[in-house]
């Protein structure tokens, strides 16, 4: 995933915020530095959502005493992709 984002970033046109090239480089560098922590935080949140969803699914399977075969059928029918992340992405 990081490689795809890096490739995308490297292919972006470089904006000019200031006619002074050194100042422009400084502005762009600051923007990139502020991007990385937000990107890492977003990935941390996504990982936590996925972990919690897996835990919830496991508890539901246990509560209803689903067999491995039933669990597999449920996951094939409804998929195992994150429903929460899907809903969040639809709001954008």
PDB file of N, CA and C in Angstrom:
ATOM      1  N   UNK A   1       0.820  -1.192   0.000  1.00  0.00           N
ATOM      2  CA  UNK A   1       0.000   0.000   0.000  1.00  0.00           C
ATOM      3  C   UNK A   1       0.868   1.261   0.000  1.00  0.00           C
ATOM      4  N   UNK A   2       1.957   1.259   0.793  1.00  0.00           N
ATOM      5  CA  UNK A   2       2.819   2.430   0.855  1.00  0.00           C
ATOM      6  C   UNK A   2       3.442   2.719  -0.499  1.00  0.00           C
ATOM      7  N   UNK A   3       3.810   1.660  -1.240  1.00  0.00           N
ATOM      8  CA  UNK A   3       4.429   1.846  -2.548  1.00  0.00           C
ATOM      9  C   UNK A   3       3.466   2.533  -3.511  1.00  0.00           C
ATOM     10  N   UNK A   4       2.196   2.162  -3.453  1.00  0.00           N
ATOM     11  CA  UNK A   4       1.206   2.790  -4.330  1.00  0.00           C
ATOM     12  C   UNK A   4       1.045   4.266  -4.020  1.00  0.00           C
ATOM     13  N   UNK A   5       1.018   4.600  -2.749  1.00  0.00           N
ATOM     14  CA  UNK A   5       0.859   6.003  -2.356  1.00  0.00           C
ATOM     15  C   UNK A   5       2.102   6.799  -2.748  1.00  0.00           C
ATOM     16  N   UNK A   6       3.271   6.209  -2.525  1.00  0.00           N
ATOM     17  CA  UNK A   6       4.507   6.896  -2.893  1.00  0.00           C
ATOM     18  C   UNK A   6       4.548   7.131  -4.397  1.00  0.00           C
ATOM     19  N   UNK A   7       4.163   6.130  -5.178  1.00  0.00           N
ATOM     20  CA  UNK A   7       4.131   6.270  -6.636  1.00  0.00           C
ATOM     21  C   UNK A   7       3.170   7.390  -7.042  1.00  0.00           C
ATOM     22  N   UNK A   8       2.016   7.432  -6.404  1.00  0.00           N
ATOM     23  CA  UNK A   8       1.038   8.482  -6.694  1.00  0.00           C
ATOM     24  C   UNK A   8       1.605   9.855  -6.358  1.00  0.00           C
ATOM     25  N   UNK A   9       2.240   9.952  -5.205  1.00  0.00           N
ATOM     26  CA  UNK A   9       2.818  11.233  -4.780  1.00  0.00           C
ATOM     27  C   UNK A   9       3.905  11.681  -5.750  1.00  0.00           C
ATOM     28  N   UNK A  10       4.755  10.733  -6.160  1.00  0.00           N
ATOM     29  CA  UNK A  10       5.844  11.090  -7.063  1.00  0.00           C
ATOM     30  C   UNK A  10       5.340  11.528  -8.439  1.00  0.00           C
ATOM     31  N   UNK A  11       4.157  11.082  -8.814  1.00  0.00           N
ATOM     32  CA  UNK A  11       3.590  11.453 -10.107  1.00  0.00           C
ATOM     33  C   UNK A  11       2.755  12.733 -10.066  1.00  0.00           C
ATOM     34  N   UNK A  12       2.553  13.285  -8.883  1.00  0.00           N
ATOM     35  CA  UNK A  12       1.782  14.527  -8.771  1.00  0.00           C
ATOM     36  C   UNK A  12       2.587  15.702  -9.315  1.00  0.00           C
ATOM     37  N   UNK A  13       1.916  16.630  -9.965  1.00  0.00           N
ATOM     38  CA  UNK A  13       2.637  17.831 -10.391  1.00  0.00           C
ATOM     39  C   UNK A  13       3.046  18.635  -9.154  1.00  0.00           C
ATOM     40  N   UNK A  14       4.197  19.234  -9.219  1.00  0.00           N
ATOM     41  CA  UNK A  14       4.691  20.002  -8.075  1.00  0.00           C
ATOM     42  C   UNK A  14       4.102  21.409  -8.145  1.00  0.00           C
ATOM     43  N   UNK A  15       3.332  21.790  -7.137  1.00  0.00           N
ATOM     44  CA  UNK A  15       2.731  23.131  -7.149  1.00  0.00           C
ATOM     45  C   UNK A  15       3.760  24.197  -6.782  1.00  0.00           C
ATOM     46  N   UNK A  16       3.508  25.394  -7.225  1.00  0.00           N
ATOM     47  CA  UNK A  16       4.361  26.517  -6.864  1.00  0.00           C
ATOM     48  C   UNK A  16       3.554  27.469  -6.000  1.00  0.00           C
ATOM     49  N   UNK A  17       4.013  27.628  -4.771  1.00  0.00           N
ATOM     50  CA  UNK A  17       3.352  28.507  -3.816  1.00  0.00           C
ATOM     51  C   UNK A  17       4.055  29.856  -3.729  1.00  0.00           C
ATOM     52  N   UNK A  18       5.296  29.855  -4.182  1.00  0.00           N
ATOM     53  CA  UNK A  18       6.096  31.061  -4.072  1.00  0.00           C
ATOM     54  C   UNK A  18       7.039  31.100  -5.274  1.00  0.00           C
ATOM     55  N   UNK A  19       7.327  32.277  -5.786  1.00  0.00           N
ATOM     56  CA  UNK A  19       8.224  32.388  -6.946  1.00  0.00           C
ATOM     57  C   UNK A  19       9.658  32.046  -6.579  1.00  0.00           C
ATOM     58  N   UNK A  20       9.993  32.210  -5.323  1.00  0.00           N
ATOM     59  CA  UNK A  20      11.321  31.847  -4.848  1.00  0.00           C
ATOM     60  C   UNK A  20      11.375  30.322  -4.730  1.00  0.00           C
ATOM     61  N   UNK A  21      12.234  29.682  -5.516  1.00  0.00           N
ATOM     62  CA  UNK A  21      12.278  28.216  -5.553  1.00  0.00           C
ATOM     63  C   UNK A  21      12.652  27.600  -4.208  1.00  0.00           C
ATOM     64  N   UNK A  22      13.564  28.234  -3.486  1.00  0.00           N
ATOM     65  CA  UNK A  22      13.938  27.705  -2.167  1.00  0.00           C
ATOM     66  C   UNK A  22      12.759  27.772  -1.203  1.00  0.00           C
ATOM     67  N   UNK A  23      12.040  28.881  -1.235  1.00  0.00           N
ATOM     68  CA  UNK A  23      10.863  29.041  -0.382  1.00  0.00           C
ATOM     69  C   UNK A  23       9.788  28.033  -0.786  1.00  0.00           C
ATOM     70  N   UNK A  24       9.615  27.837  -2.085  1.00  0.00           N
ATOM     71  CA  UNK A  24       8.641  26.871  -2.587  1.00  0.00           C
ATOM     72  C   UNK A  24       8.992  25.463  -2.100  1.00  0.00           C
ATOM     73  N   UNK A  25      10.263  25.100  -2.188  1.00  0.00           N
ATOM     74  CA  UNK A  25      10.709  23.785  -1.722  1.00  0.00           C
ATOM     75  C   UNK A  25      10.445  23.623  -0.228  1.00  0.00           C
ATOM     76  N   UNK A  26      10.681  24.669   0.527  1.00  0.00           N
ATOM     77  CA  UNK A  26      10.431  24.640   1.970  1.00  0.00           C
ATOM     78  C   UNK A  26       8.943  24.419   2.266  1.00  0.00           C
ATOM     79  N   UNK A  27       8.084  25.104   1.547  1.00  0.00           N
ATOM     80  CA  UNK A  27       6.632  24.965   1.743  1.00  0.00           C
ATOM     81  C   UNK A  27       6.188  23.548   1.411  1.00  0.00           C
ATOM     82  N   UNK A  28       6.651  23.030   0.276  1.00  0.00           N
ATOM     83  CA  UNK A  28       6.265  21.674  -0.136  1.00  0.00           C
ATOM     84  C   UNK A  28       6.792  20.641   0.850  1.00  0.00           C
ATOM     85  N   UNK A  29       8.014  20.820   1.321  1.00  0.00           N
ATOM     86  CA  UNK A  29       8.597  19.898   2.308  1.00  0.00           C
ATOM     87  C   UNK A  29       7.776  19.899   3.590  1.00  0.00           C
ATOM     88  N   UNK A  30       7.372  21.070   4.043  1.00  0.00           N
ATOM     89  CA  UNK A  30       6.533  21.159   5.248  1.00  0.00           C
ATOM     90  C   UNK A  30       5.194  20.454   5.043  1.00  0.00           C
ATOM     91  N   UNK A  31       4.604  20.617   3.861  1.00  0.00           N
ATOM     92  CA  UNK A  31       3.338  19.934   3.563  1.00  0.00           C
ATOM     93  C   UNK A  31       3.510  18.418   3.608  1.00  0.00           C
ATOM     94  N   UNK A  32       4.582  17.932   3.032  1.00  0.00           N
ATOM     95  CA  UNK A  32       4.833  16.487   3.020  1.00  0.00           C
ATOM     96  C   UNK A  32       5.080  15.962   4.438  1.00  0.00           C
ATOM     97  N   UNK A  33       5.797  16.731   5.234  1.00  0.00           N
ATOM     98  CA  UNK A  33       6.047  16.311   6.622  1.00  0.00           C
ATOM     99  C   UNK A  33       4.747  16.241   7.424  1.00  0.00           C
ATOM    100  N   UNK A  34       3.830  17.135   7.143  1.00  0.00           N
ATOM    101  CA  UNK A  34       2.556  17.114   7.865  1.00  0.00           C
ATOM    102  C   UNK A  34       1.652  15.994   7.355  1.00  0.00           C
ATOM    103  N   UNK A  35       1.869  15.541   6.125  1.00  0.00           N
ATOM    104  CA  UNK A  35       1.054  14.476   5.545  1.00  0.00           C
ATOM    105  C   UNK A  35       1.344  13.128   6.197  1.00  0.00           C
ATOM    106  N   UNK A  36       2.600  12.802   6.421  1.00  0.00           N
ATOM    107  CA  UNK A  36       2.984  11.472   6.903  1.00  0.00           C
ATOM    108  C   UNK A  36       2.330  11.089   8.227  1.00  0.00           C
ATOM    109  N   UNK A  37       2.355  11.929   9.264  1.00  0.00           N
ATOM    110  CA  UNK A  37       1.693  11.531  10.519  1.00  0.00           C
ATOM    111  C   UNK A  37       0.194  11.281  10.347  1.00  0.00           C
ATOM    112  N   UNK A  38      -0.458  12.095   9.501  1.00  0.00           N
ATOM    113  CA  UNK A  38      -1.891  11.884   9.265  1.00  0.00           C
ATOM    114  C   UNK A  38      -2.131  10.577   8.528  1.00  0.00           C
ATOM    115  N   UNK A  39      -1.275  10.255   7.587  1.00  0.00           N
ATOM    116  CA  UNK A  39      -1.380   8.998   6.841  1.00  0.00           C
ATOM    117  C   UNK A  39      -1.190   7.809   7.786  1.00  0.00           C
ATOM    118  N   UNK A  40      -0.191   7.895   8.659  1.00  0.00           N
ATOM    119  CA  UNK A  40       0.059   6.815   9.618  1.00  0.00           C
ATOM    120  C   UNK A  40      -1.103   6.674  10.594  1.00  0.00           C
ATOM    121  N   UNK A  41      -1.655   7.782  11.053  1.00  0.00           N
ATOM    122  CA  UNK A  41      -2.800   7.751  11.969  1.00  0.00           C
ATOM    123  C   UNK A  41      -4.009   7.129  11.281  1.00  0.00           C
ATOM    124  N   UNK A  42      -4.241   7.474  10.024  1.00  0.00           N
ATOM    125  CA  UNK A  42      -5.353   6.894   9.271  1.00  0.00           C
ATOM    126  C   UNK A  42      -5.187   5.379   9.165  1.00  0.00           C
ATOM    127  N   UNK A  43      -3.986   4.921   8.867  1.00  0.00           N
ATOM    128  CA  UNK A  43      -3.745   3.478   8.781  1.00  0.00           C
ATOM    129  C   UNK A  43      -3.945   2.790  10.127  1.00  0.00           C
ATOM    130  N   UNK A  44      -3.548   3.454  11.197  1.00  0.00           N
ATOM    131  CA  UNK A  44      -3.748   2.909  12.543  1.00  0.00           C
ATOM    132  C   UNK A  44      -5.245   2.766  12.842  1.00  0.00           C
ATOM    133  N   UNK A  45      -6.022   3.770  12.485  1.00  0.00           N
ATOM    134  CA  UNK A  45      -7.476   3.725  12.702  1.00  0.00           C
ATOM    135  C   UNK A  45      -8.100   2.606  11.878  1.00  0.00           C
ATOM    136  N   UNK A  46      -7.700   2.480  10.622  1.00  0.00           N
ATOM    137  CA  UNK A  46      -8.220   1.409   9.762  1.00  0.00           C
ATOM    138  C   UNK A  46      -7.885   0.045  10.346  1.00  0.00           C
ATOM    139  N   UNK A  47      -6.647  -0.130  10.797  1.00  0.00           N
ATOM    140  CA  UNK A  47      -6.251  -1.408  11.409  1.00  0.00           C
ATOM    141  C   UNK A  47      -7.095  -1.714  12.639  1.00  0.00           C
ATOM    142  N   UNK A  48      -7.360  -0.698  13.456  1.00  0.00           N
ATOM    143  CA  UNK A  48      -8.182  -0.899  14.656  1.00  0.00           C
ATOM    144  C   UNK A  48      -9.616  -1.271  14.297  1.00  0.00           C
ATOM    145  N   UNK A  49     -10.175  -0.619  13.290  1.00  0.00           N
ATOM    146  CA  UNK A  49     -11.537  -0.945  12.848  1.00  0.00           C
ATOM    147  C   UNK A  49     -11.603  -2.394  12.394  1.00  0.00           C
ATOM    148  N   UNK A  50     -10.642  -2.804  11.576  1.00  0.00           N
ATOM    149  CA  UNK A  50     -10.628  -4.184  11.075  1.00  0.00           C
ATOM    150  C   UNK A  50     -10.474  -5.194  12.210  1.00  0.00           C
ATOM    151  N   UNK A  51      -9.618  -4.874  13.173  1.00  0.00           N
ATOM    152  CA  UNK A  51      -9.409  -5.763  14.318  1.00  0.00           C
ATOM    153  C   UNK A  51     -10.702  -5.907  15.125  1.00  0.00           C
ATOM    154  N   UNK A  52     -11.372  -4.804  15.393  1.00  0.00           N
ATOM    155  CA  UNK A  52     -12.623  -4.834  16.164  1.00  0.00           C
ATOM    156  C   UNK A  52     -13.707  -5.586  15.403  1.00  0.00           C
ATOM    157  N   UNK A  53     -13.796  -5.362  14.092  1.00  0.00           N
ATOM    158  CA  UNK A  53     -14.792  -6.094  13.301  1.00  0.00           C
ATOM    159  C   UNK A  53     -14.539  -7.602  13.342  1.00  0.00           C
ATOM    160  N   UNK A  54     -13.271  -8.000  13.265  1.00  0.00           N
ATOM    161  CA  UNK A  54     -12.948  -9.439  13.355  1.00  0.00           C
ATOM    162  C   UNK A  54     -13.343  -9.995  14.720  1.00  0.00           C
ATOM    163  N   UNK A  55     -13.091  -9.221  15.780  1.00  0.00           N
ATOM    164  CA  UNK A  55     -13.464  -9.663  17.130  1.00  0.00           C
ATOM    165  C   UNK A  55     -14.982  -9.791  17.260  1.00  0.00           C
ATOM    166  N   UNK A  56     -15.709  -8.824  16.731  1.00  0.00           N
ATOM    167  CA  UNK A  56     -17.181  -8.875  16.780  1.00  0.00           C
ATOM    168  C   UNK A  56     -17.682 -10.097  16.023  1.00  0.00           C
ATOM    169  N   UNK A  57     -17.163 -10.308  14.820  1.00  0.00           N
ATOM    170  CA  UNK A  57     -17.576 -11.475  14.035  1.00  0.00           C
ATOM    171  C   UNK A  57     -17.303 -12.772  14.785  1.00  0.00           C
ATOM    172  N   UNK A  58     -16.131 -12.864  15.392  1.00  0.00           N
ATOM    173  CA  UNK A  58     -15.766 -14.066  16.145  1.00  0.00           C
ATOM    174  C   UNK A  58     -16.750 -14.300  17.292  1.00  0.00           C
ATOM    175  N   UNK A  59     -17.107 -13.230  18.002  1.00  0.00           N
ATOM    176  CA  UNK A  59     -18.052 -13.351  19.117  1.00  0.00           C
ATOM    177  C   UNK A  59     -19.442 -13.769  18.630  1.00  0.00           C
ATOM    178  N   UNK A  60     -19.869 -13.211  17.517  1.00  0.00           N
ATOM    179  CA  UNK A  60     -21.183 -13.579  16.967  1.00  0.00           C
ATOM    180  C   UNK A  60     -21.190 -15.038  16.540  1.00  0.00           C
ATOM    181  N   UNK A  61     -20.125 -15.473  15.860  1.00  0.00           N
ATOM    182  CA  UNK A  61     -20.039 -16.877  15.447  1.00  0.00           C
ATOM    183  C   UNK A  61     -20.090 -17.794  16.672  1.00  0.00           C
ATOM    184  N   UNK A  62     -19.413 -17.382  17.724  1.00  0.00           N
ATOM    185  CA  UNK A  62     -19.394 -18.180  18.953  1.00  0.00           C
ATOM    186  C   UNK A  62     -20.761 -18.163  19.635  1.00  0.00           C
ATOM    187  N   UNK A  63     -21.376 -16.993  19.725  1.00  0.00           N
ATOM    188  CA  UNK A  63     -22.672 -16.842  20.373  1.00  0.00           C
ATOM    189  C   UNK A  63     -23.726 -17.733  19.721  1.00  0.00           C
ATOM    190  N   UNK A  64     -23.732 -17.757  18.406  1.00  0.00           N
ATOM    191  CA  UNK A  64     -24.726 -18.558  17.687  1.00  0.00           C
ATOM    192  C   UNK A  64     -24.237 -19.976  17.381  1.00  0.00           C
ATOM    193  N   UNK A  65     -23.054 -20.287  17.865  1.00  0.00           N
ATOM    194  CA  UNK A  65     -22.453 -21.616  17.714  1.00  0.00           C
ATOM    195  C   UNK A  65     -22.407 -22.059  16.248  1.00  0.00           C
ATOM    196  N   UNK A  66     -21.987 -21.144  15.380  1.00  0.00           N
ATOM    197  CA  UNK A  66     -21.846 -21.482  13.970  1.00  0.00           C
ATOM    198  C   UNK A  66     -20.667 -22.428  13.777  1.00  0.00           C
ATOM    199  N   UNK A  67     -20.845 -23.386  12.898  1.00  0.00           N
ATOM    200  CA  UNK A  67     -19.744 -24.285  12.547  1.00  0.00           C
ATOM    201  C   UNK A  67     -18.837 -23.549  11.564  1.00  0.00           C
ATOM    202  N   UNK A  68     -17.665 -24.125  11.324  1.00  0.00           N
ATOM    203  CA  UNK A  68     -16.754 -23.523  10.349  1.00  0.00           C
ATOM    204  C   UNK A  68     -17.404 -23.454   8.969  1.00  0.00           C
ATOM    205  N   UNK A  69     -18.175 -24.472   8.643  1.00  0.00           N
ATOM    206  CA  UNK A  69     -18.853 -24.505   7.344  1.00  0.00           C
ATOM    207  C   UNK A  69     -19.889 -23.376   7.251  1.00  0.00           C
ATOM    208  N   UNK A  70     -20.650 -23.160   8.323  1.00  0.00           N
ATOM    209  CA  UNK A  70     -21.654 -22.086   8.339  1.00  0.00           C
ATOM    210  C   UNK A  70     -20.974 -20.712   8.277  1.00  0.00           C
ATOM    211  N   UNK A  71     -19.897 -20.594   9.020  1.00  0.00           N
ATOM    212  CA  UNK A  71     -19.146 -19.337   9.027  1.00  0.00           C
ATOM    213  C   UNK A  71     -18.622 -19.026   7.622  1.00  0.00           C
ATOM    214  N   UNK A  72     -18.090 -20.037   6.976  1.00  0.00           N
ATOM    215  CA  UNK A  72     -17.573 -19.871   5.622  1.00  0.00           C
ATOM    216  C   UNK A  72     -18.685 -19.460   4.656  1.00  0.00           C
ATOM    217  N   UNK A  73     -19.859 -20.075   4.812  1.00  0.00           N
ATOM    218  CA  UNK A  73     -21.001 -19.745   3.952  1.00  0.00           C
ATOM    219  C   UNK A  73     -21.429 -18.291   4.167  1.00  0.00           C
ATOM    220  N   UNK A  74     -21.442 -17.845   5.413  1.00  0.00           N
ATOM    221  CA  UNK A  74     -21.808 -16.455   5.732  1.00  0.00           C
ATOM    222  C   UNK A  74     -20.809 -15.493   5.089  1.00  0.00           C
ATOM    223  N   UNK A  75     -19.535 -15.792   5.231  1.00  0.00           N
ATOM    224  CA  UNK A  75     -18.509 -14.910   4.685  1.00  0.00           C
ATOM    225  C   UNK A  75     -18.533 -14.896   3.158  1.00  0.00           C
ATOM    226  N   UNK A  76     -18.868 -16.029   2.552  1.00  0.00           N
ATOM    227  CA  UNK A  76     -18.986 -16.057   1.090  1.00  0.00           C
ATOM    228  C   UNK A  76     -20.199 -15.249   0.634  1.00  0.00           C
ATOM    229  N   UNK A  77     -21.279 -15.355   1.372  1.00  0.00           N
ATOM    230  CA  UNK A  77     -22.513 -14.650   1.004  1.00  0.00           C
ATOM    231  C   UNK A  77     -22.382 -13.132   1.164  1.00  0.00           C
ATOM    232  N   UNK A  78     -21.832 -12.714   2.297  1.00  0.00           N
ATOM    233  CA  UNK A  78     -21.787 -11.288   2.621  1.00  0.00           C
ATOM    234  C   UNK A  78     -20.410 -10.663   2.457  1.00  0.00           C
ATOM    235  N   UNK A  79     -19.405 -11.478   2.269  1.00  0.00           N
ATOM    236  CA  UNK A  79     -18.045 -10.972   2.138  1.00  0.00           C
ATOM    237  C   UNK A  79     -17.419 -10.716   3.490  1.00  0.00           C
ATOM    238  N   UNK A  80     -16.119 -10.581   3.485  1.00  0.00           N
ATOM    239  CA  UNK A  80     -15.414 -10.331   4.740  1.00  0.00           C
ATOM    240  C   UNK A  80     -14.785  -8.938   4.757  1.00  0.00           C
ATOM    241  N   UNK A  81     -15.097  -8.137   3.750  1.00  0.00           N
ATOM    242  CA  UNK A  81     -14.584  -6.770   3.733  1.00  0.00           C
ATOM    243  C   UNK A  81     -15.279  -5.950   4.813  1.00  0.00           C
ATOM    244  N   UNK A  82     -14.591  -4.934   5.254  1.00  0.00           N
ATOM    245  CA  UNK A  82     -15.095  -4.076   6.318  1.00  0.00           C
ATOM    246  C   UNK A  82     -16.348  -3.321   5.892  1.00  0.00           C
ATOM    247  N   UNK A  83     -17.400  -3.508   6.633  1.00  0.00           N
ATOM    248  CA  UNK A  83     -18.649  -2.782   6.367  1.00  0.00           C
ATOM    249  C   UNK A  83     -18.529  -1.332   6.845  1.00  0.00           C
ATOM    250  N   UNK A  84     -17.843  -1.128   7.959  1.00  0.00           N
ATOM    251  CA  UNK A  84     -17.671   0.223   8.502  1.00  0.00           C
ATOM    252  C   UNK A  84     -16.853   1.077   7.533  1.00  0.00           C
ATOM    253  N   UNK A  85     -15.736   0.536   7.052  1.00  0.00           N
ATOM    254  CA  UNK A  85     -14.903   1.301   6.126  1.00  0.00           C
ATOM    255  C   UNK A  85     -15.647   1.585   4.823  1.00  0.00           C
ATOM    256  N   UNK A  86     -16.474   0.659   4.405  1.00  0.00           N
ATOM    257  CA  UNK A  86     -17.284   0.865   3.204  1.00  0.00           C
ATOM    258  C   UNK A  86     -18.257   2.034   3.414  1.00  0.00           C
ATOM    259  N   UNK A  87     -18.899   2.068   4.573  1.00  0.00           N
ATOM    260  CA  UNK A  87     -19.842   3.157   4.868  1.00  0.00           C
ATOM    261  C   UNK A  87     -19.129   4.502   4.958  1.00  0.00           C
ATOM    262  N   UNK A  88     -17.954   4.501   5.565  1.00  0.00           N
ATOM    263  CA  UNK A  88     -17.190   5.743   5.695  1.00  0.00           C
ATOM    264  C   UNK A  88     -16.793   6.264   4.320  1.00  0.00           C
ATOM    265  N   UNK A  89     -16.346   5.384   3.454  1.00  0.00           N
ATOM    266  CA  UNK A  89     -15.898   5.823   2.129  1.00  0.00           C
ATOM    267  C   UNK A  89     -17.058   6.339   1.283  1.00  0.00           C
ATOM    268  N   UNK A  90     -18.279   5.867   1.539  1.00  0.00           N
ATOM    269  CA  UNK A  90     -19.444   6.343   0.787  1.00  0.00           C
ATOM    270  C   UNK A  90     -19.796   7.780   1.155  1.00  0.00           C
ATOM    271  N   UNK A  91     -19.449   8.207   2.375  1.00  0.00           N
ATOM    272  CA  UNK A  91     -19.793   9.557   2.839  1.00  0.00           C
ATOM    273  C   UNK A  91     -18.936  10.626   2.169  1.00  0.00           C
ATOM    274  N   UNK A  92     -17.799  10.256   1.627  1.00  0.00           N
ATOM    275  CA  UNK A  92     -16.882  11.242   1.034  1.00  0.00           C
ATOM    276  C   UNK A  92     -17.353  11.729  -0.290  1.00  0.00           C
TER     277      UNK A  92
END
